[in-house]
N, C-alpha and C. Protein backbone atom coordinates (compact mmCIF):
# COMPACT_ATOMS: atom_id res chain seq x y z
N MET A 1 0.85 -1.24 -0.01
CA MET A 1 0.01 0.04 -0.03
C MET A 1 0.73 1.09 0.04
N LYS A 2 1.86 1.18 0.76
CA LYS A 2 2.71 2.60 1.04
C LYS A 2 3.36 2.78 -0.45
N LEU A 3 3.64 1.71 -1.13
CA LEU A 3 4.54 1.93 -2.49
C LEU A 3 3.53 2.58 -3.43
N GLU A 4 2.17 2.12 -3.38
CA GLU A 4 1.17 2.65 -4.38
C GLU A 4 0.88 4.18 -4.07
N ASN A 5 0.93 4.51 -2.79
CA ASN A 5 0.68 5.94 -2.36
C ASN A 5 1.91 6.73 -2.81
N ARG A 6 3.17 6.20 -2.56
CA ARG A 6 4.32 6.95 -3.10
C ARG A 6 4.33 7.27 -4.73
N GLU A 7 3.80 6.13 -5.28
CA GLU A 7 3.68 6.20 -6.94
C GLU A 7 2.68 7.22 -7.20
N THR A 8 1.50 7.26 -6.51
CA THR A 8 0.48 8.22 -6.80
C THR A 8 0.94 9.56 -6.51
N ASN A 9 1.63 9.68 -5.35
CA ASN A 9 2.18 11.12 -4.97
C ASN A 9 3.22 11.72 -5.88
N SER A 10 3.95 10.74 -6.37
CA SER A 10 5.08 11.17 -7.23
C SER A 10 4.45 11.71 -8.62
N ARG A 11 3.35 11.13 -8.94
CA ARG A 11 2.63 11.42 -10.29
C ARG A 11 1.58 12.73 -10.19
N THR A 12 1.40 13.19 -8.83
CA THR A 12 0.54 14.17 -8.62
C THR A 12 0.92 15.62 -9.34
N PRO A 13 2.17 15.92 -9.33
CA PRO A 13 2.49 17.16 -10.10
C PRO A 13 2.36 17.04 -11.59
N GLU A 14 2.66 15.87 -12.00
CA GLU A 14 2.35 15.61 -13.56
C GLU A 14 0.93 15.64 -13.96
N LEU A 15 0.08 15.07 -12.98
CA LEU A 15 -1.33 15.38 -13.27
C LEU A 15 -1.87 16.65 -13.30
N LEU A 16 -1.33 17.40 -12.23
CA LEU A 16 -1.96 18.82 -12.06
C LEU A 16 -1.37 19.57 -13.25
N ASN A 17 -0.19 19.46 -13.87
CA ASN A 17 0.25 20.20 -14.97
C ASN A 17 -0.48 19.76 -16.15
N SER A 18 -0.88 18.49 -16.25
CA SER A 18 -1.82 17.98 -17.34
C SER A 18 -3.09 18.83 -17.31
N CYS A 19 -3.58 18.81 -16.17
CA CYS A 19 -5.02 19.44 -16.03
C CYS A 19 -4.76 20.94 -16.39
N ARG A 20 -3.72 21.64 -15.82
CA ARG A 20 -3.63 23.04 -16.27
C ARG A 20 -3.57 23.37 -17.75
N ARG A 21 -2.78 22.32 -18.50
CA ARG A 21 -2.52 22.50 -20.03
C ARG A 21 -3.90 22.33 -20.43
N SER A 22 -4.62 21.39 -20.07
CA SER A 22 -6.01 20.99 -20.69
C SER A 22 -6.77 22.29 -20.50
N GLN A 23 -6.86 22.95 -19.34
CA GLN A 23 -7.68 24.14 -19.13
C GLN A 23 -7.21 25.31 -20.03
N CYS A 24 -5.96 25.45 -20.16
CA CYS A 24 -5.41 26.62 -21.16
C CYS A 24 -5.88 26.35 -22.45
N GLU A 25 -5.74 24.93 -22.94
CA GLU A 25 -6.08 24.62 -24.27
C GLU A 25 -7.59 24.80 -24.57
N ALA A 26 -8.47 24.79 -23.49
CA ALA A 26 -9.80 25.00 -23.56
C ALA A 26 -10.23 26.26 -24.05
N LEU A 27 -9.29 27.42 -23.70
CA LEU A 27 -9.67 28.64 -24.18
C LEU A 27 -8.91 29.05 -25.34
N THR A 28 -9.18 28.22 -26.38
CA THR A 28 -8.68 28.29 -27.83
C THR A 28 -9.33 29.68 -28.35
N PRO A 29 -8.71 30.00 -29.60
CA PRO A 29 -9.37 31.22 -30.30
C PRO A 29 -10.93 31.10 -30.52
N GLU A 30 -11.49 29.91 -30.69
CA GLU A 30 -12.89 29.73 -30.91
C GLU A 30 -13.74 30.36 -29.67
N LEU A 31 -13.12 30.15 -28.57
CA LEU A 31 -13.76 30.60 -27.32
C LEU A 31 -13.51 32.03 -27.02
N LEU A 32 -12.42 32.49 -27.49
CA LEU A 32 -11.93 33.74 -27.25
C LEU A 32 -12.57 34.83 -28.36
N SER A 33 -13.35 34.34 -29.28
CA SER A 33 -13.95 35.00 -30.35
C SER A 33 -15.38 35.42 -29.99
N PRO A 34 -16.12 36.39 -30.72
CA PRO A 34 -17.57 36.66 -30.29
C PRO A 34 -18.34 35.39 -30.64
N PRO A 35 -19.31 35.08 -30.16
CA PRO A 35 -19.97 35.86 -29.20
C PRO A 35 -19.49 35.51 -27.61
N TYR A 36 -18.50 34.68 -27.57
CA TYR A 36 -18.15 34.06 -26.17
C TYR A 36 -17.34 35.41 -25.46
N LEU A 37 -16.68 36.17 -26.25
CA LEU A 37 -15.78 37.15 -25.68
C LEU A 37 -16.84 38.37 -25.21
N GLU A 38 -18.01 38.38 -25.75
CA GLU A 38 -18.92 39.48 -25.33
C GLU A 38 -19.25 39.14 -23.74
N GLU A 39 -19.46 37.97 -23.47
CA GLU A 39 -19.88 37.71 -22.15
C GLU A 39 -18.85 38.22 -20.98
N PHE A 40 -17.63 38.21 -21.57
CA PHE A 40 -16.54 38.83 -20.59
C PHE A 40 -16.32 40.37 -20.76
N THR A 41 -16.51 40.85 -21.70
CA THR A 41 -16.31 42.24 -21.91
C THR A 41 -17.43 43.24 -22.03
N SER A 42 -18.62 42.76 -21.91
CA SER A 42 -19.79 43.58 -22.25
C SER A 42 -19.97 44.64 -20.97
N ASP A 43 -20.72 45.45 -21.15
CA ASP A 43 -21.20 46.45 -20.06
C ASP A 43 -22.05 45.72 -19.29
N MET A 44 -22.51 46.40 -18.21
CA MET A 44 -23.56 45.92 -17.14
C MET A 44 -24.93 46.52 -17.46
N ARG A 45 -26.00 45.86 -17.12
CA ARG A 45 -27.36 46.46 -17.15
C ARG A 45 -27.66 46.94 -15.60
N LEU A 46 -27.71 48.10 -15.41
CA LEU A 46 -28.05 48.70 -14.07
C LEU A 46 -29.67 48.81 -14.14
N LYS A 47 -30.37 48.20 -13.05
CA LYS A 47 -31.78 48.64 -12.78
C LYS A 47 -31.89 48.93 -11.36
N VAL A 48 -32.51 50.11 -11.12
CA VAL A 48 -32.78 50.58 -9.83
C VAL A 48 -34.35 50.54 -9.48
N LEU A 49 -34.80 49.62 -8.65
CA LEU A 49 -36.20 49.48 -8.61
C LEU A 49 -36.62 50.13 -7.28
N LEU A 50 -37.77 50.89 -7.36
CA LEU A 50 -38.33 51.50 -6.28
C LEU A 50 -39.84 50.77 -6.24
N PRO A 51 -40.38 50.82 -5.11
CA PRO A 51 -41.84 50.21 -4.95
C PRO A 51 -42.76 50.58 -6.15
N THR A 52 -42.56 51.96 -6.53
CA THR A 52 -43.65 52.27 -7.53
C THR A 52 -43.21 52.50 -8.94
N GLU A 53 -41.84 52.42 -9.16
CA GLU A 53 -41.28 52.76 -10.61
C GLU A 53 -39.80 52.00 -10.59
N VAL A 54 -39.50 52.06 -11.83
CA VAL A 54 -38.08 51.76 -12.25
C VAL A 54 -37.32 53.06 -12.41
N LEU A 55 -36.49 53.46 -11.58
CA LEU A 55 -35.89 54.60 -11.53
C LEU A 55 -34.66 54.72 -12.68
N VAL A 56 -34.03 53.69 -12.84
CA VAL A 56 -32.89 53.45 -13.66
C VAL A 56 -32.96 52.15 -14.31
N ASP A 57 -32.68 52.27 -15.71
CA ASP A 57 -32.47 50.90 -16.51
C ASP A 57 -31.72 51.31 -17.68
N ARG A 58 -30.26 51.14 -17.36
CA ARG A 58 -29.36 51.83 -18.36
C ARG A 58 -28.22 50.75 -18.39
N SER A 59 -27.46 50.78 -19.51
CA SER A 59 -26.12 50.14 -19.71
C SER A 59 -25.15 50.78 -19.05
N VAL A 60 -24.36 50.35 -18.08
CA VAL A 60 -23.20 51.00 -17.44
C VAL A 60 -22.11 50.32 -17.54
N THR A 61 -20.89 50.99 -17.17
CA THR A 61 -19.64 50.37 -17.09
C THR A 61 -19.02 50.32 -15.81
N LYS A 62 -19.62 50.96 -14.64
CA LYS A 62 -19.17 50.84 -13.31
C LYS A 62 -20.13 51.20 -12.50
N VAL A 63 -20.24 50.53 -11.34
CA VAL A 63 -21.26 50.91 -10.17
C VAL A 63 -20.47 50.95 -9.01
N ILE A 64 -20.64 52.13 -8.16
CA ILE A 64 -20.02 52.25 -6.91
C ILE A 64 -21.20 52.51 -5.95
N ALA A 65 -20.98 51.76 -4.80
CA ALA A 65 -22.10 51.93 -3.77
C ALA A 65 -21.52 51.64 -2.52
N GLU A 66 -22.36 51.68 -1.34
CA GLU A 66 -21.86 51.59 -0.01
C GLU A 66 -22.71 50.68 0.85
N ALA A 67 -21.98 49.66 1.44
CA ALA A 67 -22.62 48.64 2.36
C ALA A 67 -22.19 49.04 3.77
N GLN A 68 -22.58 48.27 4.65
CA GLN A 68 -22.23 48.29 5.90
C GLN A 68 -20.67 48.31 6.24
N ASN A 69 -19.98 47.60 5.64
CA ASN A 69 -18.62 47.40 5.70
C ASN A 69 -17.79 48.37 4.85
N GLY A 70 -18.30 49.19 4.13
CA GLY A 70 -17.65 50.25 3.38
C GLY A 70 -18.05 50.31 1.93
N SER A 71 -17.33 51.13 1.03
CA SER A 71 -17.73 51.33 -0.37
C SER A 71 -17.28 50.27 -1.02
N PHE A 72 -17.68 50.02 -2.23
CA PHE A 72 -17.32 48.79 -3.35
C PHE A 72 -17.55 49.36 -4.60
N CYS A 73 -16.82 48.86 -5.55
CA CYS A 73 -17.00 49.06 -7.06
C CYS A 73 -17.15 47.82 -7.83
N ILE A 74 -18.14 47.84 -8.61
CA ILE A 74 -18.44 46.65 -9.32
C ILE A 74 -18.08 47.17 -10.79
N LEU A 75 -17.33 46.16 -11.65
CA LEU A 75 -17.10 46.32 -12.94
C LEU A 75 -17.48 45.28 -13.57
N PRO A 76 -17.67 45.22 -15.01
CA PRO A 76 -18.52 44.06 -15.69
C PRO A 76 -17.96 42.65 -15.53
N ARG A 77 -16.77 42.43 -15.25
CA ARG A 77 -16.19 40.91 -15.16
C ARG A 77 -16.33 40.67 -13.59
N HIS A 78 -16.96 41.52 -12.85
CA HIS A 78 -16.85 41.19 -11.20
C HIS A 78 -17.62 39.96 -11.01
N ILE A 79 -17.21 39.16 -10.04
CA ILE A 79 -17.86 37.97 -9.71
C ILE A 79 -19.41 38.29 -9.24
N ASP A 80 -20.36 37.45 -9.33
CA ASP A 80 -21.72 37.70 -8.89
C ASP A 80 -21.54 38.04 -7.37
N PHE A 81 -22.48 38.89 -6.93
CA PHE A 81 -22.31 39.65 -5.67
C PHE A 81 -23.55 40.23 -5.20
N LEU A 82 -23.69 40.10 -3.84
CA LEU A 82 -25.00 40.57 -3.04
C LEU A 82 -24.50 41.43 -1.96
N ALA A 83 -25.27 42.60 -1.83
CA ALA A 83 -24.82 43.32 -0.62
C ALA A 83 -25.93 44.21 -0.17
N ALA A 84 -26.11 44.38 1.15
CA ALA A 84 -27.11 45.08 1.89
C ALA A 84 -26.59 46.66 1.82
N LEU A 85 -27.36 47.51 1.16
CA LEU A 85 -26.91 48.95 1.10
C LEU A 85 -27.35 49.82 2.14
N VAL A 86 -26.51 50.59 2.59
CA VAL A 86 -26.86 51.70 3.58
C VAL A 86 -27.25 52.99 2.94
N PRO A 87 -28.13 53.86 3.55
CA PRO A 87 -28.29 55.14 3.08
C PRO A 87 -26.97 55.82 2.71
N GLY A 88 -26.96 56.19 1.38
CA GLY A 88 -25.83 56.98 0.87
C GLY A 88 -25.83 57.36 -0.55
N ILE A 89 -24.70 57.45 -1.19
CA ILE A 89 -24.70 57.69 -2.74
C ILE A 89 -24.35 56.62 -3.52
N LEU A 90 -24.92 56.36 -4.47
CA LEU A 90 -24.65 55.22 -5.36
C LEU A 90 -24.33 55.91 -6.62
N SER A 91 -23.26 55.65 -7.25
CA SER A 91 -22.91 56.35 -8.50
C SER A 91 -22.44 55.35 -9.64
N PHE A 92 -22.88 55.65 -10.80
CA PHE A 92 -22.54 54.75 -11.92
C PHE A 92 -22.08 55.59 -13.08
N GLU A 93 -21.33 54.87 -13.94
CA GLU A 93 -20.67 55.53 -15.12
C GLU A 93 -21.29 54.99 -16.40
N LEU A 94 -21.90 55.70 -17.20
CA LEU A 94 -22.42 55.49 -18.43
C LEU A 94 -21.43 55.05 -19.54
N GLU A 95 -21.71 54.39 -20.57
CA GLU A 95 -20.88 54.21 -21.63
C GLU A 95 -20.09 55.28 -22.12
N SER A 96 -20.88 56.57 -22.09
CA SER A 96 -20.25 57.78 -22.65
C SER A 96 -19.13 58.17 -21.59
N GLY A 97 -19.12 57.70 -20.61
CA GLY A 97 -18.00 58.10 -19.50
C GLY A 97 -18.73 59.21 -18.48
N GLN A 98 -19.98 59.52 -18.69
CA GLN A 98 -20.68 60.48 -17.73
C GLN A 98 -20.96 59.87 -16.54
N GLU A 99 -20.79 60.29 -15.23
CA GLU A 99 -20.85 59.77 -13.96
C GLU A 99 -22.41 60.36 -13.56
N VAL A 100 -23.14 59.42 -12.98
CA VAL A 100 -24.55 59.75 -12.62
C VAL A 100 -24.59 59.38 -11.18
N PHE A 101 -25.28 60.27 -10.34
CA PHE A 101 -25.42 59.87 -8.89
C PHE A 101 -26.77 59.76 -8.38
N LEU A 102 -26.82 58.80 -7.46
CA LEU A 102 -28.27 58.44 -6.79
C LEU A 102 -28.07 58.57 -5.39
N ALA A 103 -28.93 59.23 -4.57
CA ALA A 103 -28.91 59.09 -3.12
C ALA A 103 -29.95 57.97 -2.93
N VAL A 104 -29.59 56.94 -2.08
CA VAL A 104 -30.57 55.98 -2.02
C VAL A 104 -30.56 55.69 -0.60
N ASP A 105 -31.79 55.04 -0.16
CA ASP A 105 -32.15 54.63 1.11
C ASP A 105 -31.59 53.33 1.26
N GLU A 106 -31.85 52.64 2.52
CA GLU A 106 -31.30 51.24 2.61
C GLU A 106 -31.98 50.42 1.56
N GLY A 107 -31.17 49.47 1.09
CA GLY A 107 -31.65 48.54 -0.05
C GLY A 107 -30.80 47.29 -0.26
N ILE A 108 -31.03 46.66 -1.29
CA ILE A 108 -30.11 45.43 -1.65
C ILE A 108 -29.75 45.48 -3.08
N LEU A 109 -28.51 45.10 -3.19
CA LEU A 109 -27.83 45.36 -4.56
C LEU A 109 -27.54 43.68 -4.81
N VAL A 110 -27.86 43.35 -6.07
CA VAL A 110 -27.53 41.92 -6.52
C VAL A 110 -26.72 42.18 -7.86
N LYS A 111 -25.76 41.66 -8.01
CA LYS A 111 -25.06 41.44 -9.33
C LYS A 111 -25.03 39.97 -9.74
N CYS A 112 -25.70 39.72 -10.88
CA CYS A 112 -25.80 38.42 -11.33
C CYS A 112 -25.50 38.38 -12.86
N GLY A 113 -24.35 37.76 -13.30
CA GLY A 113 -24.02 37.92 -14.57
C GLY A 113 -23.70 39.39 -15.06
N THR A 114 -24.25 39.86 -16.12
CA THR A 114 -24.14 41.21 -16.52
C THR A 114 -25.22 42.20 -15.93
N GLU A 115 -25.99 41.83 -15.11
CA GLU A 115 -27.27 42.54 -14.47
C GLU A 115 -27.02 42.78 -13.16
N VAL A 116 -27.16 44.14 -12.85
CA VAL A 116 -27.00 44.69 -11.42
C VAL A 116 -28.35 45.13 -11.04
N LEU A 117 -28.94 44.72 -10.17
CA LEU A 117 -30.41 45.08 -9.65
C LEU A 117 -30.05 45.74 -8.28
N VAL A 118 -30.71 46.92 -8.30
CA VAL A 118 -30.71 47.58 -6.95
C VAL A 118 -32.29 47.75 -6.42
N SER A 119 -32.74 47.32 -5.20
CA SER A 119 -33.90 47.57 -4.85
C SER A 119 -33.95 48.24 -3.62
N THR A 120 -34.64 49.29 -3.65
CA THR A 120 -34.63 50.34 -2.44
C THR A 120 -35.90 51.03 -2.30
N LEU A 121 -36.31 51.39 -1.17
CA LEU A 121 -37.59 52.10 -0.78
C LEU A 121 -37.63 53.54 -1.46
N ASN A 122 -36.53 54.19 -1.58
CA ASN A 122 -36.44 55.51 -1.88
C ASN A 122 -35.22 55.84 -2.55
N ALA A 123 -35.14 56.62 -3.68
CA ALA A 123 -33.92 57.13 -4.43
C ALA A 123 -34.25 58.33 -5.18
N VAL A 124 -33.05 59.14 -5.45
CA VAL A 124 -33.26 60.46 -6.14
C VAL A 124 -32.07 60.42 -6.92
N ARG A 125 -32.17 60.87 -8.22
CA ARG A 125 -31.13 60.68 -9.23
C ARG A 125 -30.76 62.30 -9.74
N SER A 126 -29.45 62.45 -9.74
CA SER A 126 -28.96 63.66 -10.41
C SER A 126 -27.57 63.45 -10.99
N ASP A 127 -27.12 64.24 -11.92
CA ASP A 127 -25.91 64.20 -12.52
C ASP A 127 -24.88 65.09 -11.74
N ASP A 128 -25.42 66.00 -10.82
CA ASP A 128 -24.61 66.99 -10.01
C ASP A 128 -24.78 66.62 -8.50
N LEU A 129 -23.64 66.52 -7.85
CA LEU A 129 -23.76 66.16 -6.48
C LEU A 129 -24.34 67.33 -5.59
N GLU A 130 -24.17 68.66 -5.83
CA GLU A 130 -24.71 69.71 -5.29
C GLU A 130 -26.29 69.86 -5.40
N GLN A 131 -26.72 69.50 -6.70
CA GLN A 131 -28.18 69.55 -6.99
C GLN A 131 -28.79 68.27 -6.17
N LEU A 132 -28.07 67.08 -6.25
CA LEU A 132 -28.43 66.02 -5.30
C LEU A 132 -28.67 66.39 -3.92
N LYS A 133 -27.72 66.93 -3.25
CA LYS A 133 -27.85 67.39 -1.81
C LYS A 133 -28.96 68.23 -1.67
N GLN A 134 -29.30 69.27 -2.58
CA GLN A 134 -30.62 70.09 -2.32
C GLN A 134 -31.70 69.35 -2.49
N THR A 135 -31.88 68.44 -3.30
CA THR A 135 -32.96 67.67 -3.41
C THR A 135 -33.34 66.73 -2.12
N VAL A 136 -32.35 66.10 -1.78
CA VAL A 136 -32.35 65.29 -0.68
C VAL A 136 -32.73 66.02 0.55
N GLU A 137 -32.33 67.12 0.56
CA GLU A 137 -32.58 68.05 1.82
C GLU A 137 -33.99 68.41 1.84
N GLN A 138 -34.44 68.93 0.72
CA GLN A 138 -35.83 69.31 0.45
C GLN A 138 -36.88 68.12 0.72
N GLN A 139 -36.50 66.80 0.25
CA GLN A 139 -37.36 65.70 0.56
C GLN A 139 -37.30 65.38 2.04
N PHE A 140 -36.26 65.59 2.77
CA PHE A 140 -36.25 65.27 4.24
C PHE A 140 -37.13 66.35 5.01
N ARG A 141 -36.96 67.52 4.38
CA ARG A 141 -37.98 68.54 4.99
C ARG A 141 -39.43 68.18 4.85
N VAL A 142 -39.77 67.60 3.67
CA VAL A 142 -41.18 67.28 3.54
C VAL A 142 -41.49 65.98 4.19
N LEU A 143 -40.64 65.14 4.44
CA LEU A 143 -40.70 63.93 5.31
C LEU A 143 -40.99 64.39 6.82
N ASP A 144 -40.04 65.26 7.24
CA ASP A 144 -40.24 65.66 8.64
C ASP A 144 -41.46 66.42 8.94
N GLU A 145 -42.08 67.06 7.92
CA GLU A 145 -43.28 67.76 8.02
C GLU A 145 -44.32 66.67 8.27
N ARG A 146 -44.25 65.85 7.26
CA ARG A 146 -45.27 64.55 7.41
C ARG A 146 -45.31 63.89 8.64
N GLU A 147 -44.04 63.61 9.13
CA GLU A 147 -43.96 63.04 10.58
C GLU A 147 -44.44 63.81 11.50
N ARG A 148 -44.34 64.96 11.53
CA ARG A 148 -44.67 65.96 12.47
C ARG A 148 -46.30 65.90 12.63
N LEU A 149 -46.84 65.97 11.29
CA LEU A 149 -48.35 65.98 11.25
C LEU A 149 -48.73 64.60 11.69
N THR A 150 -48.22 63.53 11.52
CA THR A 150 -48.56 62.17 11.85
C THR A 150 -48.60 61.99 13.38
N ARG A 151 -47.53 62.60 13.89
CA ARG A 151 -47.43 62.44 15.37
C ARG A 151 -48.41 63.25 16.13
N SER A 152 -48.79 64.46 15.63
CA SER A 152 -49.84 65.21 16.01
C SER A 152 -51.28 64.46 15.98
N ALA A 153 -51.49 63.92 14.78
CA ALA A 153 -52.66 63.21 14.77
C ALA A 153 -52.74 62.05 15.56
N LEU A 154 -51.67 61.34 15.99
CA LEU A 154 -51.50 60.19 16.77
C LEU A 154 -51.76 60.64 18.03
N ALA A 155 -51.19 61.85 18.57
CA ALA A 155 -51.47 62.32 19.86
C ALA A 155 -52.93 62.61 20.12
N LYS A 156 -53.48 63.27 19.11
CA LYS A 156 -54.91 63.47 19.36
C LYS A 156 -55.70 62.30 19.50
N LEU A 157 -55.44 61.23 18.69
CA LEU A 157 -56.18 59.84 18.75
C LEU A 157 -55.95 59.18 20.14
N GLU A 158 -54.69 59.25 20.75
CA GLU A 158 -54.51 58.78 21.98
C GLU A 158 -55.22 59.51 23.02
N ALA A 159 -55.16 60.83 23.03
CA ALA A 159 -55.99 61.51 23.90
C ALA A 159 -57.43 61.38 23.86
N SER A 160 -57.98 61.17 22.71
CA SER A 160 -59.33 60.72 22.53
C SER A 160 -59.71 59.37 23.16
N MET A 161 -58.77 58.41 22.93
CA MET A 161 -59.11 57.01 23.45
C MET A 161 -59.03 57.18 25.06
N VAL A 162 -58.05 57.96 25.59
CA VAL A 162 -58.00 58.10 26.97
C VAL A 162 -59.32 58.77 27.61
N TYR A 163 -59.86 59.61 26.92
CA TYR A 163 -61.02 60.45 27.37
C TYR A 163 -62.14 59.31 27.32
N ARG A 164 -62.33 58.54 26.29
CA ARG A 164 -63.54 57.57 26.18
C ARG A 164 -63.31 56.49 27.10
N PHE A 165 -62.17 56.11 27.35
CA PHE A 165 -61.92 55.09 28.65
C PHE A 165 -62.40 55.76 30.03
N GLN A 166 -62.14 56.91 30.21
CA GLN A 166 -62.53 57.67 31.38
C GLN A 166 -64.01 57.63 31.49
N GLU A 167 -64.57 57.97 30.19
CA GLU A 167 -66.05 57.95 30.42
C GLU A 167 -66.69 56.68 30.51
N LEU A 168 -66.04 55.62 30.19
CA LEU A 168 -66.67 54.17 30.42
C LEU A 168 -66.38 53.78 31.86
N ARG A 169 -65.44 54.32 32.54
CA ARG A 169 -65.39 54.00 34.01
C ARG A 169 -66.44 54.82 34.75
N SER A 170 -66.81 55.85 34.25
CA SER A 170 -67.82 56.65 35.12
C SER A 170 -69.26 56.24 34.99
């Protein structure tokens, strides 16, 4: 038995080299020409999905986003990827080289093949960061006003219920 193991072990590097050569031979010019090459060099399709609409559906060359553990960049040949996004800026580069910015709420980013899907509750798009900042601040003011009105209505409802319970006791 020991002799057989030694013999197998001595052949292991030869077998590995043989496997490596066959893998390299598998990438012959037929596989490195279209349409196979397109799979490796094509742009990505970015879709940003909101509950009520598709905000972005474009061909892009790069996506930069932020997760809990920091920012990351996805390029077309990036491995398939999943990330929980935190509120922040998501940017992407169009085929023309133009950079576009999105302010996104919490969400999920999924990269599968050449498709990048982002699902979030709220997002705002702009080509200019300063304009994006102003838009986000305005939306926060509107949300703050809605929250204030909701809290006021809830306080009135609670007061009314307490008053009714007091009437039932009497």
